[in-house]
Amino acid sequence: MEQITLEFQGKQISAMLQAPMWYITIAGTALTKLPATPSDTEASVRARVLAWLEAHPDMLDRDQIVLGGG
C-alpha cells in the first residue's frame, strides 16, 4: 500500500507514502504530512487522514492553502 484515495465533504483527498511520511494532497496540492508507522493499514491511515481533515476543515478550500506553511 503506497497510496490511498478517499472522499471527504465532496473533495478527493490522496495520501501517498514516501517513507517515513504520508503526504496528504487535494487535487495535487499539498495539505500536510503525517508520520508513517510500521503498523499502518489502509484503514488506519484513512482514519488518521479523516481525523486531520475534521480538525482542519478550512484546508478543504484551496484558497486557504499556503505552500510552505503559514
Protein backbone atom coordinates (compact mmCIF):
# COMPACT_ATOMS: atom_id res chain seq x y z
CA MET A 1 0.00 0.00 0.00
CA GLU A 2 1.64 3.20 -1.17
CA GLN A 3 -1.36 5.37 -2.00
CA ILE A 4 -4.85 5.83 -0.61
CA THR A 5 -7.62 7.92 -2.11
CA LEU A 6 -10.67 8.95 -0.15
CA GLU A 7 -13.52 11.41 -0.42
CA PHE A 8 -14.26 13.95 2.29
CA GLN A 9 -17.04 16.54 2.01
CA GLY A 10 -17.17 16.04 -1.75
CA LYS A 11 -13.42 16.51 -2.21
CA GLN A 12 -10.98 13.83 -3.38
CA ILE A 13 -8.06 13.50 -0.98
CA SER A 14 -4.94 11.43 -1.61
CA ALA A 15 -2.38 10.07 0.81
CA MET A 16 0.89 8.94 -0.73
CA LEU A 17 3.55 7.07 1.20
CA GLN A 18 7.08 8.37 0.82
CA ALA A 19 8.64 6.82 3.89
CA PRO A 20 8.83 7.91 6.57
CA MET A 21 5.82 10.15 5.86
CA TRP A 22 2.35 10.07 4.33
CA TYR A 23 1.86 13.16 2.14
CA ILE A 24 -1.74 14.35 2.02
CA THR A 25 -2.94 16.25 -1.07
CA ILE A 26 -6.12 17.69 -2.51
CA ALA A 27 -6.24 17.97 -6.31
CA GLY A 28 -2.45 17.66 -6.36
CA THR A 29 -1.89 20.48 -3.84
CA ALA A 30 -0.07 19.53 -0.64
CA LEU A 31 -2.09 19.84 2.57
CA THR A 32 0.10 18.22 5.20
CA LYS A 33 2.17 15.17 6.03
CA LEU A 34 1.71 12.54 8.70
CA PRO A 35 4.35 10.16 10.07
CA ALA A 36 4.19 6.62 8.70
CA THR A 37 4.28 3.72 11.16
CA PRO A 38 5.17 0.07 10.61
CA SER A 39 1.66 -0.95 11.65
CA ASP A 40 -0.11 1.27 9.08
CA THR A 41 -3.04 -0.30 7.29
CA GLU A 42 -5.35 1.27 4.75
CA ALA A 43 -8.00 1.64 7.45
CA SER A 44 -5.63 3.20 9.99
CA VAL A 45 -4.19 5.70 7.51
CA ARG A 46 -7.67 6.57 6.26
CA ALA A 47 -8.79 7.18 9.88
CA ARG A 48 -5.78 9.40 10.61
CA VAL A 49 -6.32 11.43 7.43
CA LEU A 50 -10.03 11.85 8.21
CA ALA A 51 -9.23 12.93 11.79
CA TRP A 52 -6.78 15.52 10.48
CA LEU A 53 -9.30 16.81 7.92
CA GLU A 54 -12.01 17.11 10.58
CA ALA A 55 -9.59 19.09 12.77
CA HIS A 56 -8.65 21.41 9.84
CA PRO A 57 -11.87 21.93 7.82
CA ASP A 58 -10.63 25.26 6.43
CA MET A 59 -7.92 23.42 4.49
CA LEU A 60 -10.51 21.99 2.10
CA ASP A 61 -10.70 25.40 0.45
CA ARG A 62 -7.68 25.58 -1.86
CA ASP A 63 -7.61 29.37 -1.40
CA GLN A 64 -6.62 28.78 2.23
CA ILE A 65 -3.63 26.59 1.35
CA VAL A 66 -0.32 28.39 1.73
CA LEU A 67 2.55 26.41 0.25
CA GLY A 68 5.50 26.28 2.61
CA GLY A 69 3.34 26.72 5.68
CA GLY A 70 1.69 29.79 7.00
